[in-house]
Structures are given as C-alpha cells and as structure tokens.
Amino acid sequence: MNEEDKKYLIHFDEYFENILKTVPEYSHIQAKKELDNIYDTFIDYSTHWSGKFYMTGFGDAMQLVINSLNINNN
C-alpha cells in the first residue's frame, strides 16, 4: 500500500471509539450494536458495488478483445 492508498483508509475502530465517548455509559451496548450494523452494512454495500463495477469493467474489456479479434479476422 502506497501513501496515496493510505489517504483513503477508513479507520472504523477510531470512529467507533470517538462516537462511544460521546454516548452515555448505559447506552454503550446499544450504540455498539448500531455501529457494528453500520459497519456490516457498509461492507456489504462496498462489496456489492465493487463487484458490480468489476464485472462491468471485465465485460467491457472482454468486448474490446472480441471486437479487436473480429476486426482482425475481417
């Protein structure tokens, strides 16, 4: 991972700790459950869209190869 990549890291643990510091002690368990839910939802969201764009990009690349082969065969 280079320096450019490191700028885009998401420090979930730090964010969660900072949020929990602002929540009353008696609400930590519920807040933690909600934060974990946000994390899981974000990961699912990222996985879905990354996969979708990967497949679109892969399909586009394959179409370029196929078109290139068709042009060379004609």
PDB file of N, CA and C in Angstrom:
ATOM      1  N   MET A   1       0.852  -1.167   0.000  1.00  0.00           N
ATOM      2  CA  MET A   1       0.000   0.000   0.000  1.00  0.00           C
ATOM      3  C   MET A   1       0.903   1.237   0.000  1.00  0.00           C
ATOM      4  N   ASN A   2       0.652   2.128  -0.953  1.00  0.00           N
ATOM      5  CA  ASN A   2       1.461   3.337  -1.013  1.00  0.00           C
ATOM      6  C   ASN A   2       0.801   4.476  -0.227  1.00  0.00           C
ATOM      7  N   GLU A   3       1.467   5.626  -0.209  1.00  0.00           N
ATOM      8  CA  GLU A   3       0.955   6.767   0.568  1.00  0.00           C
ATOM      9  C   GLU A   3      -0.403   7.241   0.047  1.00  0.00           C
ATOM     10  N   GLU A   4      -0.598   7.214  -1.265  1.00  0.00           N
ATOM     11  CA  GLU A   4      -1.888   7.619  -1.847  1.00  0.00           C
ATOM     12  C   GLU A   4      -3.004   6.715  -1.342  1.00  0.00           C
ATOM     13  N   ASP A   5      -2.751   5.408  -1.319  1.00  0.00           N
ATOM     14  CA  ASP A   5      -3.747   4.450  -0.825  1.00  0.00           C
ATOM     15  C   ASP A   5      -4.072   4.696   0.651  1.00  0.00           C
ATOM     16  N   LYS A   6      -3.055   5.006   1.429  1.00  0.00           N
ATOM     17  CA  LYS A   6      -3.239   5.199   2.870  1.00  0.00           C
ATOM     18  C   LYS A   6      -4.144   6.395   3.178  1.00  0.00           C
ATOM     19  N   LYS A   7      -4.199   7.376   2.266  1.00  0.00           N
ATOM     20  CA  LYS A   7      -5.063   8.542   2.487  1.00  0.00           C
ATOM     21  C   LYS A   7      -6.534   8.145   2.489  1.00  0.00           C
ATOM     22  N   TYR A   8      -6.867   7.011   1.881  1.00  0.00           N
ATOM     23  CA  TYR A   8      -8.262   6.610   1.739  1.00  0.00           C
ATOM     24  C   TYR A   8      -8.674   5.492   2.688  1.00  0.00           C
ATOM     25  N   LEU A   9      -7.823   5.182   3.647  1.00  0.00           N
ATOM     26  CA  LEU A   9      -8.190   4.180   4.646  1.00  0.00           C
ATOM     27  C   LEU A   9      -9.336   4.707   5.504  1.00  0.00           C
ATOM     28  N   ILE A  10     -10.211   3.818   5.885  1.00  0.00           N
ATOM     29  CA  ILE A  10     -11.296   4.179   6.792  1.00  0.00           C
ATOM     30  C   ILE A  10     -10.969   3.556   8.144  1.00  0.00           C
ATOM     31  N   HIS A  11     -10.789   4.378   9.127  1.00  0.00           N
ATOM     32  CA  HIS A  11     -10.394   3.924  10.461  1.00  0.00           C
ATOM     33  C   HIS A  11     -11.633   3.707  11.323  1.00  0.00           C
ATOM     34  N   PHE A  12     -12.365   2.640  11.022  1.00  0.00           N
ATOM     35  CA  PHE A  12     -13.620   2.368  11.711  1.00  0.00           C
ATOM     36  C   PHE A  12     -13.447   2.310  13.228  1.00  0.00           C
ATOM     37  N   ASP A  13     -12.410   1.639  13.690  1.00  0.00           N
ATOM     38  CA  ASP A  13     -12.222   1.494  15.137  1.00  0.00           C
ATOM     39  C   ASP A  13     -12.079   2.855  15.820  1.00  0.00           C
ATOM     40  N   GLU A  14     -11.322   3.752  15.203  1.00  0.00           N
ATOM     41  CA  GLU A  14     -11.158   5.086  15.783  1.00  0.00           C
ATOM     42  C   GLU A  14     -12.482   5.847  15.797  1.00  0.00           C
ATOM     43  N   TYR A  15     -13.216   5.762  14.702  1.00  0.00           N
ATOM     44  CA  TYR A  15     -14.513   6.446  14.643  1.00  0.00           C
ATOM     45  C   TYR A  15     -15.464   5.892  15.701  1.00  0.00           C
ATOM     46  N   PHE A  16     -15.494   4.567  15.818  1.00  0.00           N
ATOM     47  CA  PHE A  16     -16.384   3.935  16.794  1.00  0.00           C
ATOM     48  C   PHE A  16     -16.032   4.374  18.209  1.00  0.00           C
ATOM     49  N   GLU A  17     -14.735   4.372  18.523  1.00  0.00           N
ATOM     50  CA  GLU A  17     -14.304   4.791  19.859  1.00  0.00           C
ATOM     51  C   GLU A  17     -14.699   6.246  20.135  1.00  0.00           C
ATOM     52  N   ASN A  18     -14.498   7.106  19.143  1.00  0.00           N
ATOM     53  CA  ASN A  18     -14.845   8.519  19.317  1.00  0.00           C
ATOM     54  C   ASN A  18     -16.352   8.704  19.505  1.00  0.00           C
ATOM     55  N   ILE A  19     -17.135   7.942  18.764  1.00  0.00           N
ATOM     56  CA  ILE A  19     -18.592   8.028  18.919  1.00  0.00           C
ATOM     57  C   ILE A  19     -19.005   7.520  20.292  1.00  0.00           C
ATOM     58  N   LEU A  20     -18.433   6.390  20.708  1.00  0.00           N
ATOM     59  CA  LEU A  20     -18.798   5.823  22.016  1.00  0.00           C
ATOM     60  C   LEU A  20     -18.425   6.766  23.165  1.00  0.00           C
ATOM     61  N   LYS A  21     -17.402   7.591  22.981  1.00  0.00           N
ATOM     62  CA  LYS A  21     -17.025   8.562  24.017  1.00  0.00           C
ATOM     63  C   LYS A  21     -18.123   9.605  24.224  1.00  0.00           C
ATOM     64  N   THR A  22     -18.936   9.824  23.207  1.00  0.00           N
ATOM     65  CA  THR A  22     -19.985  10.842  23.305  1.00  0.00           C
ATOM     66  C   THR A  22     -21.312  10.263  23.779  1.00  0.00           C
ATOM     67  N   VAL A  23     -21.369   8.936  23.913  1.00  0.00           N
ATOM     68  CA  VAL A  23     -22.609   8.256  24.302  1.00  0.00           C
ATOM     69  C   VAL A  23     -22.540   7.936  25.788  1.00  0.00           C
ATOM     70  N   PRO A  24     -23.622   8.143  26.526  1.00  0.00           N
ATOM     71  CA  PRO A  24     -23.618   7.785  27.946  1.00  0.00           C
ATOM     72  C   PRO A  24     -23.257   6.301  28.138  1.00  0.00           C
ATOM     73  N   GLU A  25     -22.592   6.021  29.218  1.00  0.00           N
ATOM     74  CA  GLU A  25     -22.106   4.656  29.506  1.00  0.00           C
ATOM     75  C   GLU A  25     -23.226   3.614  29.413  1.00  0.00           C
ATOM     76  N   TYR A  26     -24.411   3.944  29.898  1.00  0.00           N
ATOM     77  CA  TYR A  26     -25.504   2.971  29.917  1.00  0.00           C
ATOM     78  C   TYR A  26     -26.021   2.646  28.506  1.00  0.00           C
ATOM     79  N   SER A  27     -25.631   3.441  27.514  1.00  0.00           N
ATOM     80  CA  SER A  27     -26.074   3.198  26.134  1.00  0.00           C
ATOM     81  C   SER A  27     -24.998   2.565  25.251  1.00  0.00           C
ATOM     82  N   HIS A  28     -23.852   2.246  25.811  1.00  0.00           N
ATOM     83  CA  HIS A  28     -22.744   1.707  25.018  1.00  0.00           C
ATOM     84  C   HIS A  28     -23.100   0.411  24.298  1.00  0.00           C
ATOM     85  N   ILE A  29     -23.807  -0.477  24.959  1.00  0.00           N
ATOM     86  CA  ILE A  29     -24.124  -1.766  24.331  1.00  0.00           C
ATOM     87  C   ILE A  29     -24.994  -1.548  23.093  1.00  0.00           C
ATOM     88  N   GLN A  30     -26.043  -0.748  23.224  1.00  0.00           N
ATOM     89  CA  GLN A  30     -26.920  -0.478  22.081  1.00  0.00           C
ATOM     90  C   GLN A  30     -26.183   0.291  20.993  1.00  0.00           C
ATOM     91  N   ALA A  31     -25.381   1.280  21.386  1.00  0.00           N
ATOM     92  CA  ALA A  31     -24.626   2.063  20.406  1.00  0.00           C
ATOM     93  C   ALA A  31     -23.639   1.168  19.659  1.00  0.00           C
ATOM     94  N   LYS A  32     -22.986   0.272  20.372  1.00  0.00           N
ATOM     95  CA  LYS A  32     -22.034  -0.651  19.731  1.00  0.00           C
ATOM     96  C   LYS A  32     -22.751  -1.537  18.725  1.00  0.00           C
ATOM     97  N   LYS A  33     -23.941  -2.024  19.075  1.00  0.00           N
ATOM     98  CA  LYS A  33     -24.708  -2.850  18.133  1.00  0.00           C
ATOM     99  C   LYS A  33     -25.019  -2.058  16.865  1.00  0.00           C
ATOM    100  N   GLU A  34     -25.418  -0.808  17.030  1.00  0.00           N
ATOM    101  CA  GLU A  34     -25.741   0.023  15.871  1.00  0.00           C
ATOM    102  C   GLU A  34     -24.500   0.331  15.034  1.00  0.00           C
ATOM    103  N   LEU A  35     -23.391   0.603  15.691  1.00  0.00           N
ATOM    104  CA  LEU A  35     -22.145   0.851  14.968  1.00  0.00           C
ATOM    105  C   LEU A  35     -21.687  -0.388  14.208  1.00  0.00           C
ATOM    106  N   ASP A  36     -21.820  -1.546  14.828  1.00  0.00           N
ATOM    107  CA  ASP A  36     -21.490  -2.800  14.142  1.00  0.00           C
ATOM    108  C   ASP A  36     -22.402  -3.012  12.939  1.00  0.00           C
ATOM    109  N   ASN A  37     -23.673  -2.650  13.089  1.00  0.00           N
ATOM    110  CA  ASN A  37     -24.618  -2.758  11.985  1.00  0.00           C
ATOM    111  C   ASN A  37     -24.223  -1.815  10.841  1.00  0.00           C
ATOM    112  N   ILE A  38     -23.824  -0.599  11.175  1.00  0.00           N
ATOM    113  CA  ILE A  38     -23.364   0.353  10.160  1.00  0.00           C
ATOM    114  C   ILE A  38     -22.145  -0.222   9.434  1.00  0.00           C
ATOM    115  N   TYR A  39     -21.209  -0.770  10.183  1.00  0.00           N
ATOM    116  CA  TYR A  39     -20.008  -1.357   9.586  1.00  0.00           C
ATOM    117  C   TYR A  39     -20.376  -2.488   8.629  1.00  0.00           C
ATOM    118  N   ASP A  40     -21.203  -3.415   9.093  1.00  0.00           N
ATOM    119  CA  ASP A  40     -21.607  -4.554   8.260  1.00  0.00           C
ATOM    120  C   ASP A  40     -22.336  -4.089   7.001  1.00  0.00           C
ATOM    121  N   THR A  41     -23.206  -3.106   7.151  1.00  0.00           N
ATOM    122  CA  THR A  41     -23.950  -2.573   6.010  1.00  0.00           C
ATOM    123  C   THR A  41     -22.999  -1.904   5.021  1.00  0.00           C
ATOM    124  N   PHE A  42     -22.037  -1.166   5.534  1.00  0.00           N
ATOM    125  CA  PHE A  42     -21.065  -0.507   4.661  1.00  0.00           C
ATOM    126  C   PHE A  42     -20.240  -1.531   3.891  1.00  0.00           C
ATOM    127  N   ILE A  43     -19.799  -2.578   4.556  1.00  0.00           N
ATOM    128  CA  ILE A  43     -19.011  -3.621   3.894  1.00  0.00           C
ATOM    129  C   ILE A  43     -19.850  -4.314   2.821  1.00  0.00           C
ATOM    130  N   ASP A  44     -21.102  -4.632   3.130  1.00  0.00           N
ATOM    131  CA  ASP A  44     -21.988  -5.242   2.137  1.00  0.00           C
ATOM    132  C   ASP A  44     -22.178  -4.310   0.937  1.00  0.00           C
ATOM    133  N   TYR A  45     -22.405  -3.047   1.206  1.00  0.00           N
ATOM    134  CA  TYR A  45     -22.578  -2.040   0.157  1.00  0.00           C
ATOM    135  C   TYR A  45     -21.332  -1.963  -0.730  1.00  0.00           C
ATOM    136  N   SER A  46     -20.172  -1.859  -0.096  1.00  0.00           N
ATOM    137  CA  SER A  46     -18.912  -1.761  -0.839  1.00  0.00           C
ATOM    138  C   SER A  46     -18.657  -3.008  -1.674  1.00  0.00           C
ATOM    139  N   THR A  47     -18.930  -4.160  -1.097  1.00  0.00           N
ATOM    140  CA  THR A  47     -18.732  -5.419  -1.808  1.00  0.00           C
ATOM    141  C   THR A  47     -19.649  -5.495  -3.024  1.00  0.00           C
ATOM    142  N   HIS A  48     -20.904  -5.126  -2.843  1.00  0.00           N
ATOM    143  CA  HIS A  48     -21.870  -5.156  -3.952  1.00  0.00           C
ATOM    144  C   HIS A  48     -21.409  -4.269  -5.101  1.00  0.00           C
ATOM    145  N   TRP A  49     -21.109  -3.003  -4.804  1.00  0.00           N
ATOM    146  CA  TRP A  49     -20.764  -2.070  -5.864  1.00  0.00           C
ATOM    147  C   TRP A  49     -19.397  -2.353  -6.466  1.00  0.00           C
ATOM    148  N   SER A  50     -18.444  -2.805  -5.661  1.00  0.00           N
ATOM    149  CA  SER A  50     -17.133  -3.172  -6.210  1.00  0.00           C
ATOM    150  C   SER A  50     -17.281  -4.333  -7.183  1.00  0.00           C
ATOM    151  N   GLY A  51     -18.042  -5.340  -6.790  1.00  0.00           N
ATOM    152  CA  GLY A  51     -18.276  -6.487  -7.665  1.00  0.00           C
ATOM    153  C   GLY A  51     -18.998  -6.090  -8.935  1.00  0.00           C
ATOM    154  N   LYS A  52     -19.983  -5.234  -8.791  1.00  0.00           N
ATOM    155  CA  LYS A  52     -20.761  -4.804  -9.946  1.00  0.00           C
ATOM    156  C   LYS A  52     -19.879  -4.039 -10.940  1.00  0.00           C
ATOM    157  N   PHE A  53     -19.073  -3.111 -10.441  1.00  0.00           N
ATOM    158  CA  PHE A  53     -18.205  -2.349 -11.326  1.00  0.00           C
ATOM    159  C   PHE A  53     -17.077  -3.207 -11.887  1.00  0.00           C
ATOM    160  N   TYR A  54     -16.595  -4.163 -11.107  1.00  0.00           N
ATOM    161  CA  TYR A  54     -15.575  -5.077 -11.607  1.00  0.00           C
ATOM    162  C   TYR A  54     -16.137  -5.875 -12.778  1.00  0.00           C
ATOM    163  N   MET A  55     -17.346  -6.419 -12.614  1.00  0.00           N
ATOM    164  CA  MET A  55     -17.943  -7.219 -13.685  1.00  0.00           C
ATOM    165  C   MET A  55     -18.219  -6.360 -14.916  1.00  0.00           C
ATOM    166  N   THR A  56     -18.653  -5.126 -14.717  1.00  0.00           N
ATOM    167  CA  THR A  56     -18.887  -4.226 -15.851  1.00  0.00           C
ATOM    168  C   THR A  56     -17.571  -3.942 -16.570  1.00  0.00           C
ATOM    169  N   GLY A  57     -16.543  -3.638 -15.810  1.00  0.00           N
ATOM    170  CA  GLY A  57     -15.224  -3.383 -16.403  1.00  0.00           C
ATOM    171  C   GLY A  57     -14.675  -4.611 -17.108  1.00  0.00           C
ATOM    172  N   PHE A  58     -14.851  -5.770 -16.495  1.00  0.00           N
ATOM    173  CA  PHE A  58     -14.388  -7.014 -17.103  1.00  0.00           C
ATOM    174  C   PHE A  58     -15.144  -7.269 -18.395  1.00  0.00           C
ATOM    175  N   GLY A  59     -16.453  -7.057 -18.362  1.00  0.00           N
ATOM    176  CA  GLY A  59     -17.265  -7.237 -19.565  1.00  0.00           C
ATOM    177  C   GLY A  59     -16.846  -6.280 -20.675  1.00  0.00           C
ATOM    178  N   ASP A  60     -16.574  -5.029 -20.314  1.00  0.00           N
ATOM    179  CA  ASP A  60     -16.117  -4.048 -21.300  1.00  0.00           C
ATOM    180  C   ASP A  60     -14.779  -4.465 -21.901  1.00  0.00           C
ATOM    181  N   ALA A  61     -13.872  -4.949 -21.069  1.00  0.00           N
ATOM    182  CA  ALA A  61     -12.567  -5.398 -21.555  1.00  0.00           C
ATOM    183  C   ALA A  61     -12.725  -6.589 -22.492  1.00  0.00           C
ATOM    184  N   MET A  62     -13.588  -7.512 -22.125  1.00  0.00           N
ATOM    185  CA  MET A  62     -13.820  -8.677 -22.989  1.00  0.00           C
ATOM    186  C   MET A  62     -14.424  -8.241 -24.318  1.00  0.00           C
ATOM    187  N   GLN A  63     -15.333  -7.283 -24.288  1.00  0.00           N
ATOM    188  CA  GLN A  63     -15.946  -6.791 -25.524  1.00  0.00           C
ATOM    189  C   GLN A  63     -14.893  -6.144 -26.423  1.00  0.00           C
ATOM    190  N   LEU A  64     -13.950  -5.410 -25.841  1.00  0.00           N
ATOM    191  CA  LEU A  64     -12.863  -4.828 -26.624  1.00  0.00           C
ATOM    192  C   LEU A  64     -12.022  -5.909 -27.289  1.00  0.00           C
ATOM    193  N   VAL A  65     -11.715  -6.963 -26.547  1.00  0.00           N
ATOM    194  CA  VAL A  65     -10.927  -8.068 -27.097  1.00  0.00           C
ATOM    195  C   VAL A  65     -11.694  -8.729 -28.233  1.00  0.00           C
ATOM    196  N   ILE A  66     -12.968  -9.013 -28.010  1.00  0.00           N
ATOM    197  CA  ILE A  66     -13.791  -9.659 -29.039  1.00  0.00           C
ATOM    198  C   ILE A  66     -13.881  -8.773 -30.273  1.00  0.00           C
ATOM    199  N   ASN A  67     -14.133  -7.496 -30.086  1.00  0.00           N
ATOM    200  CA  ASN A  67     -14.200  -6.573 -31.222  1.00  0.00           C
ATOM    201  C   ASN A  67     -12.867  -6.506 -31.953  1.00  0.00           C
ATOM    202  N   SER A  68     -11.795  -6.521 -31.203  1.00  0.00           N
ATOM    203  CA  SER A  68     -10.458  -6.498 -31.802  1.00  0.00           C
ATOM    204  C   SER A  68     -10.220  -7.756 -32.637  1.00  0.00           C
ATOM    205  N   LEU A  69     -10.620  -8.890 -32.120  1.00  0.00           N
ATOM    206  CA  LEU A  69     -10.460 -10.146 -32.856  1.00  0.00           C
ATOM    207  C   LEU A  69     -11.329 -10.152 -34.103  1.00  0.00           C
ATOM    208  N   ASN A  70     -12.536  -9.638 -34.025  1.00  0.00           N
ATOM    209  CA  ASN A  70     -13.430  -9.569 -35.185  1.00  0.00           C
ATOM    210  C   ASN A  70     -12.867  -8.662 -36.269  1.00  0.00           C
ATOM    211  N   ILE A  71     -12.277  -7.540 -35.885  1.00  0.00           N
ATOM    212  CA  ILE A  71     -11.700  -6.621 -36.853  1.00  0.00           C
ATOM    213  C   ILE A  71     -10.519  -7.268 -37.565  1.00  0.00           C
ATOM    214  N   ASN A  72      -9.688  -7.994 -36.797  1.00  0.00           N
ATOM    215  CA  ASN A  72      -8.513  -8.644 -37.381  1.00  0.00           C
ATOM    216  C   ASN A  72      -8.896  -9.800 -38.294  1.00  0.00           C
ATOM    217  N   ASN A  73     -10.043 -10.444 -38.055  1.00  0.00           N
ATOM    218  CA  ASN A  73     -10.483 -11.583 -38.866  1.00  0.00           C
ATOM    219  C   ASN A  73     -11.130 -11.144 -40.166  1.00  0.00           C
ATOM    220  N   ASN A  74     -11.613  -9.904 -40.240  1.00  0.00           N
ATOM    221  CA  ASN A  74     -12.304  -9.430 -41.452  1.00  0.00           C
ATOM    222  C   ASN A  74     -11.349  -8.909 -42.437  1.00  0.00           C
TER     223      ASN A  74
END
